[in-house]
Amino acid sequence: MESLFAAQSAMEHRHIMKNAIVTLGTVVALTAGLAHAQVAVEDTDGNGSYSMEELMVTYTDLTEDVFAEVDTDGDGAVSMDELTAAQDAQILVVN
């Protein structure tokens, strides 16, 4: 009878460990997703792109060099596609 309880206890332990590992994996996946979540930037003048001043409201450490890197087409403004690409590449990170 004692060996039956030991076997049942071992099975319960494996089940608990499996659940703990699955839960941990879920937490890691969700945390990674949050780390890559897009940050909203307001287009205050409504022209469909973002100036350095508009971006600096969210990205307070933004420099002219980083702005130029993000503005891949060099038109002096950052489009939504350029903003998304910079966020995805973690060129722009909220402080």
PDB file of N, CA and C in Angstrom:
ATOM      1  N   MET A   1       0.810  -1.182   0.000  1.00  0.00           N
ATOM      2  CA  MET A   1       0.000   0.000   0.000  1.00  0.00           C
ATOM      3  C   MET A   1       0.864   1.262   0.000  1.00  0.00           C
ATOM      4  N   GLU A   2       1.970   1.198   0.743  1.00  0.00           N
ATOM      5  CA  GLU A   2       2.853   2.345   0.832  1.00  0.00           C
ATOM      6  C   GLU A   2       3.456   2.693  -0.524  1.00  0.00           C
ATOM      7  N   SER A   3       3.808   1.680  -1.312  1.00  0.00           N
ATOM      8  CA  SER A   3       4.377   1.940  -2.632  1.00  0.00           C
ATOM      9  C   SER A   3       3.343   2.562  -3.569  1.00  0.00           C
ATOM     10  N   LEU A   4       2.071   2.257  -3.391  1.00  0.00           N
ATOM     11  CA  LEU A   4       1.004   2.872  -4.177  1.00  0.00           C
ATOM     12  C   LEU A   4       0.934   4.367  -3.892  1.00  0.00           C
ATOM     13  N   PHE A   5       1.027   4.730  -2.608  1.00  0.00           N
ATOM     14  CA  PHE A   5       1.006   6.144  -2.241  1.00  0.00           C
ATOM     15  C   PHE A   5       2.242   6.867  -2.780  1.00  0.00           C
ATOM     16  N   ALA A   6       3.382   6.201  -2.747  1.00  0.00           N
ATOM     17  CA  ALA A   6       4.621   6.799  -3.265  1.00  0.00           C
ATOM     18  C   ALA A   6       4.505   7.029  -4.764  1.00  0.00           C
ATOM     19  N   ALA A   7       3.935   6.078  -5.504  1.00  0.00           N
ATOM     20  CA  ALA A   7       3.759   6.224  -6.951  1.00  0.00           C
ATOM     21  C   ALA A   7       2.784   7.357  -7.255  1.00  0.00           C
ATOM     22  N   GLN A   8       1.691   7.423  -6.492  1.00  0.00           N
ATOM     23  CA  GLN A   8       0.706   8.489  -6.696  1.00  0.00           C
ATOM     24  C   GLN A   8       1.328   9.857  -6.388  1.00  0.00           C
ATOM     25  N   SER A   9       2.121   9.930  -5.339  1.00  0.00           N
ATOM     26  CA  SER A   9       2.787  11.168  -4.955  1.00  0.00           C
ATOM     27  C   SER A   9       3.757  11.624  -6.055  1.00  0.00           C
ATOM     28  N   ALA A  10       4.483  10.692  -6.623  1.00  0.00           N
ATOM     29  CA  ALA A  10       5.417  11.016  -7.700  1.00  0.00           C
ATOM     30  C   ALA A  10       4.675  11.536  -8.925  1.00  0.00           C
ATOM     31  N   MET A  11       3.529  10.915  -9.244  1.00  0.00           N
ATOM     32  CA  MET A  11       2.728  11.368 -10.390  1.00  0.00           C
ATOM     33  C   MET A  11       2.195  12.773 -10.148  1.00  0.00           C
ATOM     34  N   GLU A  12       1.729  13.036  -8.916  1.00  0.00           N
ATOM     35  CA  GLU A  12       1.225  14.372  -8.591  1.00  0.00           C
ATOM     36  C   GLU A  12       2.348  15.401  -8.687  1.00  0.00           C
ATOM     37  N   HIS A  13       3.530  15.033  -8.242  1.00  0.00           N
ATOM     38  CA  HIS A  13       4.689  15.934  -8.310  1.00  0.00           C
ATOM     39  C   HIS A  13       5.016  16.263  -9.768  1.00  0.00           C
ATOM     40  N   ARG A  14       5.020  15.273 -10.653  1.00  0.00           N
ATOM     41  CA  ARG A  14       5.298  15.504 -12.072  1.00  0.00           C
ATOM     42  C   ARG A  14       4.235  16.416 -12.680  1.00  0.00           C
ATOM     43  N   HIS A  15       2.983  16.210 -12.309  1.00  0.00           N
ATOM     44  CA  HIS A  15       1.881  17.032 -12.812  1.00  0.00           C
ATOM     45  C   HIS A  15       2.052  18.487 -12.361  1.00  0.00           C
ATOM     46  N   ILE A  16       2.394  18.685 -11.113  1.00  0.00           N
ATOM     47  CA  ILE A  16       2.612  20.042 -10.589  1.00  0.00           C
ATOM     48  C   ILE A  16       3.792  20.697 -11.301  1.00  0.00           C
ATOM     49  N   MET A  17       4.860  19.971 -11.497  1.00  0.00           N
ATOM     50  CA  MET A  17       6.039  20.519 -12.182  1.00  0.00           C
ATOM     51  C   MET A  17       5.710  20.875 -13.631  1.00  0.00           C
ATOM     52  N   LYS A  18       4.951  20.013 -14.303  1.00  0.00           N
ATOM     53  CA  LYS A  18       4.562  20.282 -15.688  1.00  0.00           C
ATOM     54  C   LYS A  18       3.744  21.572 -15.755  1.00  0.00           C
ATOM     55  N   ASN A  19       2.793  21.731 -14.848  1.00  0.00           N
ATOM     56  CA  ASN A  19       1.981  22.949 -14.822  1.00  0.00           C
ATOM     57  C   ASN A  19       2.834  24.174 -14.537  1.00  0.00           C
ATOM     58  N   ALA A  20       3.799  24.041 -13.655  1.00  0.00           N
ATOM     59  CA  ALA A  20       4.678  25.164 -13.326  1.00  0.00           C
ATOM     60  C   ALA A  20       5.508  25.573 -14.538  1.00  0.00           C
ATOM     61  N   ILE A  21       6.000  24.609 -15.278  1.00  0.00           N
ATOM     62  CA  ILE A  21       6.809  24.900 -16.468  1.00  0.00           C
ATOM     63  C   ILE A  21       5.956  25.558 -17.547  1.00  0.00           C
ATOM     64  N   VAL A  22       4.757  25.060 -17.760  1.00  0.00           N
ATOM     65  CA  VAL A  22       3.857  25.658 -18.756  1.00  0.00           C
ATOM     66  C   VAL A  22       3.518  27.094 -18.359  1.00  0.00           C
ATOM     67  N   THR A  23       3.241  27.325 -17.084  1.00  0.00           N
ATOM     68  CA  THR A  23       2.924  28.667 -16.597  1.00  0.00           C
ATOM     69  C   THR A  23       4.109  29.598 -16.779  1.00  0.00           C
ATOM     70  N   LEU A  24       5.292  29.143 -16.448  1.00  0.00           N
ATOM     71  CA  LEU A  24       6.492  29.950 -16.610  1.00  0.00           C
ATOM     72  C   LEU A  24       6.705  30.307 -18.080  1.00  0.00           C
ATOM     73  N   GLY A  25       6.512  29.344 -18.953  1.00  0.00           N
ATOM     74  CA  GLY A  25       6.651  29.606 -20.390  1.00  0.00           C
ATOM     75  C   GLY A  25       5.662  30.651 -20.868  1.00  0.00           C
ATOM     76  N   THR A  26       4.448  30.601 -20.374  1.00  0.00           N
ATOM     77  CA  THR A  26       3.432  31.585 -20.741  1.00  0.00           C
ATOM     78  C   THR A  26       3.828  32.976 -20.256  1.00  0.00           C
ATOM     79  N   VAL A  27       4.304  33.074 -19.038  1.00  0.00           N
ATOM     80  CA  VAL A  27       4.728  34.362 -18.487  1.00  0.00           C
ATOM     81  C   VAL A  27       5.874  34.943 -19.307  1.00  0.00           C
ATOM     82  N   VAL A  28       6.843  34.124 -19.664  1.00  0.00           N
ATOM     83  CA  VAL A  28       7.977  34.587 -20.468  1.00  0.00           C
ATOM     84  C   VAL A  28       7.493  35.080 -21.828  1.00  0.00           C
ATOM     85  N   ALA A  29       6.605  34.347 -22.464  1.00  0.00           N
ATOM     86  CA  ALA A  29       6.093  34.743 -23.773  1.00  0.00           C
ATOM     87  C   ALA A  29       5.325  36.051 -23.688  1.00  0.00           C
ATOM     88  N   LEU A  30       4.498  36.213 -22.682  1.00  0.00           N
ATOM     89  CA  LEU A  30       3.736  37.455 -22.521  1.00  0.00           C
ATOM     90  C   LEU A  30       4.650  38.630 -22.218  1.00  0.00           C
ATOM     91  N   THR A  31       5.658  38.417 -21.406  1.00  0.00           N
ATOM     92  CA  THR A  31       6.608  39.482 -21.090  1.00  0.00           C
ATOM     93  C   THR A  31       7.368  39.910 -22.334  1.00  0.00           C
ATOM     94  N   ALA A  32       7.775  38.962 -23.146  1.00  0.00           N
ATOM     95  CA  ALA A  32       8.471  39.300 -24.387  1.00  0.00           C
ATOM     96  C   ALA A  32       7.561  40.095 -25.307  1.00  0.00           C
ATOM     97  N   GLY A  33       6.302  39.722 -25.357  1.00  0.00           N
ATOM     98  CA  GLY A  33       5.346  40.464 -26.183  1.00  0.00           C
ATOM     99  C   GLY A  33       5.166  41.881 -25.702  1.00  0.00           C
ATOM    100  N   LEU A  34       5.119  42.092 -24.412  1.00  0.00           N
ATOM    101  CA  LEU A  34       4.983  43.439 -23.872  1.00  0.00           C
ATOM    102  C   LEU A  34       6.223  44.266 -24.143  1.00  0.00           C
ATOM    103  N   ALA A  35       7.371  43.648 -24.131  1.00  0.00           N
ATOM    104  CA  ALA A  35       8.598  44.376 -24.397  1.00  0.00           C
ATOM    105  C   ALA A  35       8.632  44.929 -25.813  1.00  0.00           C
ATOM    106  N   HIS A  36       7.969  44.253 -26.719  1.00  0.00           N
ATOM    107  CA  HIS A  36       7.946  44.694 -28.111  1.00  0.00           C
ATOM    108  C   HIS A  36       6.666  45.429 -28.479  1.00  0.00           C
ATOM    109  N   ALA A  37       5.852  45.733 -27.501  1.00  0.00           N
ATOM    110  CA  ALA A  37       4.611  46.447 -27.785  1.00  0.00           C
ATOM    111  C   ALA A  37       4.916  47.827 -28.341  1.00  0.00           C
ATOM    112  N   GLN A  38       4.091  48.260 -29.276  1.00  0.00           N
ATOM    113  CA  GLN A  38       4.282  49.558 -29.888  1.00  0.00           C
ATOM    114  C   GLN A  38       3.859  50.655 -28.917  1.00  0.00           C
ATOM    115  N   VAL A  39       4.629  51.724 -28.891  1.00  0.00           N
ATOM    116  CA  VAL A  39       4.340  52.876 -28.063  1.00  0.00           C
ATOM    117  C   VAL A  39       3.630  53.906 -28.930  1.00  0.00           C
ATOM    118  N   ALA A  40       2.544  54.437 -28.421  1.00  0.00           N
ATOM    119  CA  ALA A  40       1.777  55.425 -29.177  1.00  0.00           C
ATOM    120  C   ALA A  40       2.491  56.778 -29.152  1.00  0.00           C
ATOM    121  N   VAL A  41       2.562  57.395 -30.301  1.00  0.00           N
ATOM    122  CA  VAL A  41       3.103  58.741 -30.443  1.00  0.00           C
ATOM    123  C   VAL A  41       2.007  59.578 -31.071  1.00  0.00           C
ATOM    124  N   GLU A  42       1.793  60.772 -30.546  1.00  0.00           N
ATOM    125  CA  GLU A  42       0.713  61.622 -31.047  1.00  0.00           C
ATOM    126  C   GLU A  42       1.203  62.509 -32.192  1.00  0.00           C
ATOM    127  N   ASP A  43       0.457  62.472 -33.276  1.00  0.00           N
ATOM    128  CA  ASP A  43       0.708  63.340 -34.432  1.00  0.00           C
ATOM    129  C   ASP A  43      -0.067  64.641 -34.187  1.00  0.00           C
ATOM    130  N   THR A  44       0.532  65.555 -33.437  1.00  0.00           N
ATOM    131  CA  THR A  44      -0.195  66.729 -32.953  1.00  0.00           C
ATOM    132  C   THR A  44      -0.640  67.675 -34.059  1.00  0.00           C
ATOM    133  N   ASP A  45       0.114  67.741 -35.164  1.00  0.00           N
ATOM    134  CA  ASP A  45      -0.303  68.640 -36.246  1.00  0.00           C
ATOM    135  C   ASP A  45      -1.162  67.937 -37.296  1.00  0.00           C
ATOM    136  N   GLY A  46      -1.364  66.640 -37.131  1.00  0.00           N
ATOM    137  CA  GLY A  46      -2.265  65.893 -38.005  1.00  0.00           C
ATOM    138  C   GLY A  46      -1.817  65.734 -39.440  1.00  0.00           C
ATOM    139  N   ASN A  47      -0.514  65.853 -39.699  1.00  0.00           N
ATOM    140  CA  ASN A  47      -0.037  65.752 -41.083  1.00  0.00           C
ATOM    141  C   ASN A  47       0.304  64.327 -41.514  1.00  0.00           C
ATOM    142  N   GLY A  48       0.101  63.346 -40.620  1.00  0.00           N
ATOM    143  CA  GLY A  48       0.334  61.952 -40.987  1.00  0.00           C
ATOM    144  C   GLY A  48       1.747  61.465 -40.793  1.00  0.00           C
ATOM    145  N   SER A  49       2.620  62.318 -40.288  1.00  0.00           N
ATOM    146  CA  SER A  49       3.990  61.915 -39.987  1.00  0.00           C
ATOM    147  C   SER A  49       4.397  62.571 -38.674  1.00  0.00           C
ATOM    148  N   TYR A  50       5.591  62.233 -38.205  1.00  0.00           N
ATOM    149  CA  TYR A  50       6.044  62.687 -36.899  1.00  0.00           C
ATOM    150  C   TYR A  50       7.315  63.512 -37.024  1.00  0.00           C
ATOM    151  N   SER A  51       7.276  64.697 -36.413  1.00  0.00           N
ATOM    152  CA  SER A  51       8.458  65.551 -36.352  1.00  0.00           C
ATOM    153  C   SER A  51       9.314  65.120 -35.170  1.00  0.00           C
ATOM    154  N   MET A  52      10.519  65.670 -35.104  1.00  0.00           N
ATOM    155  CA  MET A  52      11.387  65.376 -33.973  1.00  0.00           C
ATOM    156  C   MET A  52      10.717  65.844 -32.680  1.00  0.00           C
ATOM    157  N   GLU A  53      10.080  66.993 -32.719  1.00  0.00           N
ATOM    158  CA  GLU A  53       9.414  67.524 -31.528  1.00  0.00           C
ATOM    159  C   GLU A  53       8.283  66.594 -31.063  1.00  0.00           C
ATOM    160  N   GLU A  54       7.507  66.059 -32.000  1.00  0.00           N
ATOM    161  CA  GLU A  54       6.425  65.135 -31.636  1.00  0.00           C
ATOM    162  C   GLU A  54       6.983  63.853 -31.024  1.00  0.00           C
ATOM    163  N   LEU A  55       8.064  63.353 -31.583  1.00  0.00           N
ATOM    164  CA  LEU A  55       8.670  62.131 -31.057  1.00  0.00           C
ATOM    165  C   LEU A  55       9.312  62.354 -29.694  1.00  0.00           C
ATOM    166  N   MET A  56       9.844  63.552 -29.461  1.00  0.00           N
ATOM    167  CA  MET A  56      10.531  63.829 -28.190  1.00  0.00           C
ATOM    168  C   MET A  56       9.575  63.850 -26.999  1.00  0.00           C
ATOM    169  N   VAL A  57       8.279  64.002 -27.245  1.00  0.00           N
ATOM    170  CA  VAL A  57       7.317  63.938 -26.147  1.00  0.00           C
ATOM    171  C   VAL A  57       7.346  62.541 -25.524  1.00  0.00           C
ATOM    172  N   THR A  58       7.477  61.524 -26.356  1.00  0.00           N
ATOM    173  CA  THR A  58       7.531  60.131 -25.884  1.00  0.00           C
ATOM    174  C   THR A  58       8.964  59.662 -25.674  1.00  0.00           C
ATOM    175  N   TYR A  59       9.836  60.004 -26.610  1.00  0.00           N
ATOM    176  CA  TYR A  59      11.235  59.568 -26.563  1.00  0.00           C
ATOM    177  C   TYR A  59      12.092  60.759 -26.149  1.00  0.00           C
ATOM    178  N   THR A  60      12.153  61.010 -24.850  1.00  0.00           N
ATOM    179  CA  THR A  60      12.763  62.234 -24.335  1.00  0.00           C
ATOM    180  C   THR A  60      14.263  62.332 -24.580  1.00  0.00           C
ATOM    181  N   ASP A  61      14.939  61.220 -24.799  1.00  0.00           N
ATOM    182  CA  ASP A  61      16.383  61.238 -25.066  1.00  0.00           C
ATOM    183  C   ASP A  61      16.709  61.217 -26.557  1.00  0.00           C
ATOM    184  N   LEU A  62      15.723  61.446 -27.398  1.00  0.00           N
ATOM    185  CA  LEU A  62      15.930  61.405 -28.848  1.00  0.00           C
ATOM    186  C   LEU A  62      16.946  62.462 -29.271  1.00  0.00           C
ATOM    187  N   THR A  63      17.918  62.028 -30.063  1.00  0.00           N
ATOM    188  CA  THR A  63      18.920  62.963 -30.599  1.00  0.00           C
ATOM    189  C   THR A  63      18.680  63.154 -32.094  1.00  0.00           C
ATOM    190  N   GLU A  64      19.292  64.169 -32.651  1.00  0.00           N
ATOM    191  CA  GLU A  64      19.172  64.408 -34.086  1.00  0.00           C
ATOM    192  C   GLU A  64      19.728  63.235 -34.882  1.00  0.00           C
ATOM    193  N   ASP A  65      20.814  62.637 -34.400  1.00  0.00           N
ATOM    194  CA  ASP A  65      21.407  61.485 -35.098  1.00  0.00           C
ATOM    195  C   ASP A  65      20.449  60.290 -35.123  1.00  0.00           C
ATOM    196  N   VAL A  66      19.792  60.016 -34.000  1.00  0.00           N
ATOM    197  CA  VAL A  66      18.844  58.901 -33.959  1.00  0.00           C
ATOM    198  C   VAL A  66      17.631  59.226 -34.828  1.00  0.00           C
ATOM    199  N   PHE A  67      17.162  60.474 -34.776  1.00  0.00           N
ATOM    200  CA  PHE A  67      16.041  60.879 -35.627  1.00  0.00           C
ATOM    201  C   PHE A  67      16.391  60.647 -37.095  1.00  0.00           C
ATOM    202  N   ALA A  68      17.590  61.026 -37.502  1.00  0.00           N
ATOM    203  CA  ALA A  68      18.029  60.831 -38.890  1.00  0.00           C
ATOM    204  C   ALA A  68      18.094  59.344 -39.240  1.00  0.00           C
ATOM    205  N   GLU A  69      18.485  58.506 -38.295  1.00  0.00           N
ATOM    206  CA  GLU A  69      18.529  57.055 -38.519  1.00  0.00           C
ATOM    207  C   GLU A  69      17.120  56.496 -38.711  1.00  0.00           C
ATOM    208  N   VAL A  70      16.175  56.990 -37.929  1.00  0.00           N
ATOM    209  CA  VAL A  70      14.787  56.526 -38.016  1.00  0.00           C
ATOM    210  C   VAL A  70      14.136  57.014 -39.301  1.00  0.00           C
ATOM    211  N   ASP A  71      14.449  58.237 -39.710  1.00  0.00           N
ATOM    212  CA  ASP A  71      13.901  58.851 -40.927  1.00  0.00           C
ATOM    213  C   ASP A  71      14.642  58.290 -42.140  1.00  0.00           C
ATOM    214  N   THR A  72      14.323  57.048 -42.479  1.00  0.00           N
ATOM    215  CA  THR A  72      15.099  56.319 -43.484  1.00  0.00           C
ATOM    216  C   THR A  72      15.007  56.913 -44.883  1.00  0.00           C
ATOM    217  N   ASP A  73      13.912  57.615 -45.194  1.00  0.00           N
ATOM    218  CA  ASP A  73      13.826  58.218 -46.528  1.00  0.00           C
ATOM    219  C   ASP A  73      14.372  59.642 -46.560  1.00  0.00           C
ATOM    220  N   GLY A  74      14.790  60.156 -45.402  1.00  0.00           N
ATOM    221  CA  GLY A  74      15.449  61.451 -45.336  1.00  0.00           C
ATOM    222  C   GLY A  74      14.571  62.647 -45.658  1.00  0.00           C
ATOM    223  N   ASP A  75      13.260  62.512 -45.489  1.00  0.00           N
ATOM    224  CA  ASP A  75      12.378  63.633 -45.832  1.00  0.00           C
ATOM    225  C   ASP A  75      12.160  64.603 -44.673  1.00  0.00           C
ATOM    226  N   GLY A  76      12.827  64.380 -43.547  1.00  0.00           N
ATOM    227  CA  GLY A  76      12.715  65.284 -42.413  1.00  0.00           C
ATOM    228  C   GLY A  76      11.549  64.979 -41.491  1.00  0.00           C
ATOM    229  N   ALA A  77      10.823  63.912 -41.775  1.00  0.00           N
ATOM    230  CA  ALA A  77       9.703  63.487 -40.928  1.00  0.00           C
ATOM    231  C   ALA A  77       9.724  61.964 -40.850  1.00  0.00           C
ATOM    232  N   VAL A  78       9.131  61.435 -39.797  1.00  0.00           N
ATOM    233  CA  VAL A  78       9.088  59.987 -39.600  1.00  0.00           C
ATOM    234  C   VAL A  78       7.676  59.504 -39.896  1.00  0.00           C
ATOM    235  N   SER A  79       7.566  58.613 -40.869  1.00  0.00           N
ATOM    236  CA  SER A  79       6.265  58.031 -41.209  1.00  0.00           C
ATOM    237  C   SER A  79       5.897  56.963 -40.188  1.00  0.00           C
ATOM    238  N   MET A  80       4.654  56.521 -40.243  1.00  0.00           N
ATOM    239  CA  MET A  80       4.211  55.448 -39.347  1.00  0.00           C
ATOM    240  C   MET A  80       5.032  54.180 -39.595  1.00  0.00           C
ATOM    241  N   ASP A  81       5.335  53.867 -40.856  1.00  0.00           N
ATOM    242  CA  ASP A  81       6.146  52.681 -41.162  1.00  0.00           C
ATOM    243  C   ASP A  81       7.555  52.817 -40.585  1.00  0.00           C
ATOM    244  N   GLU A  82       8.149  54.009 -40.710  1.00  0.00           N
ATOM    245  CA  GLU A  82       9.490  54.226 -40.160  1.00  0.00           C
ATOM    246  C   GLU A  82       9.463  54.131 -38.634  1.00  0.00           C
ATOM    247  N   LEU A  83       8.416  54.686 -38.016  1.00  0.00           N
ATOM    248  CA  LEU A  83       8.281  54.623 -36.564  1.00  0.00           C
ATOM    249  C   LEU A  83       8.156  53.176 -36.098  1.00  0.00           C
ATOM    250  N   THR A  84       7.292  52.425 -36.741  1.00  0.00           N
ATOM    251  CA  THR A  84       7.095  51.018 -36.377  1.00  0.00           C
ATOM    252  C   THR A  84       8.393  50.223 -36.535  1.00  0.00           C
ATOM    253  N   ALA A  85       9.099  50.448 -37.637  1.00  0.00           N
ATOM    254  CA  ALA A  85      10.370  49.739 -37.867  1.00  0.00           C
ATOM    255  C   ALA A  85      11.391  50.091 -36.786  1.00  0.00           C
ATOM    256  N   ALA A  86      11.453  51.362 -36.404  1.00  0.00           N
ATOM    257  CA  ALA A  86      12.404  51.787 -35.368  1.00  0.00           C
ATOM    258  C   ALA A  86      12.034  51.207 -34.005  1.00  0.00           C
ATOM    259  N   GLN A  87      10.735  51.133 -33.717  1.00  0.00           N
ATOM    260  CA  GLN A  87      10.302  50.526 -32.459  1.00  0.00           C
ATOM    261  C   GLN A  87      10.610  49.032 -32.457  1.00  0.00           C
ATOM    262  N   ASP A  88      10.322  48.361 -33.563  1.00  0.00           N
ATOM    263  CA  ASP A  88      10.582  46.921 -33.650  1.00  0.00           C
ATOM    264  C   ASP A  88      12.071  46.610 -33.512  1.00  0.00           C
ATOM    265  N   ALA A  89      12.908  47.482 -34.094  1.00  0.00           N
ATOM    266  CA  ALA A  89      14.370  47.290 -34.027  1.00  0.00           C
ATOM    267  C   ALA A  89      14.948  47.822 -32.718  1.00  0.00           C
ATOM    268  N   GLN A  90      14.085  48.357 -31.872  1.00  0.00           N
ATOM    269  CA  GLN A  90      14.464  48.938 -30.580  1.00  0.00           C
ATOM    270  C   GLN A  90      15.472  50.071 -30.728  1.00  0.00           C
ATOM    271  N   ILE A  91      15.367  50.790 -31.843  1.00  0.00           N
ATOM    272  CA  ILE A  91      16.133  52.025 -32.017  1.00  0.00           C
ATOM    273  C   ILE A  91      15.509  53.104 -31.153  1.00  0.00           C
ATOM    274  N   LEU A  92      14.181  53.094 -31.096  1.00  0.00           N
ATOM    275  CA  LEU A  92      13.438  54.009 -30.223  1.00  0.00           C
ATOM    276  C   LEU A  92      12.927  53.208 -29.038  1.00  0.00           C
ATOM    277  N   VAL A  93      13.359  53.589 -27.843  1.00  0.00           N
ATOM    278  CA  VAL A  93      12.949  52.910 -26.625  1.00  0.00           C
ATOM    279  C   VAL A  93      12.530  53.971 -25.630  1.00  0.00           C
ATOM    280  N   VAL A  94      11.359  53.786 -25.022  1.00  0.00           N
ATOM    281  CA  VAL A  94      10.863  54.730 -24.022  1.00  0.00           C
ATOM    282  C   VAL A  94      11.715  54.622 -22.763  1.00  0.00           C
ATOM    283  N   ASN A  95      12.106  55.754 -22.246  1.00  0.00           N
ATOM    284  CA  ASN A  95      12.937  55.784 -21.031  1.00  0.00           C
ATOM    285  C   ASN A  95      12.092  55.639 -19.798  1.00  0.00           C
TER     286      ASN A  95
END
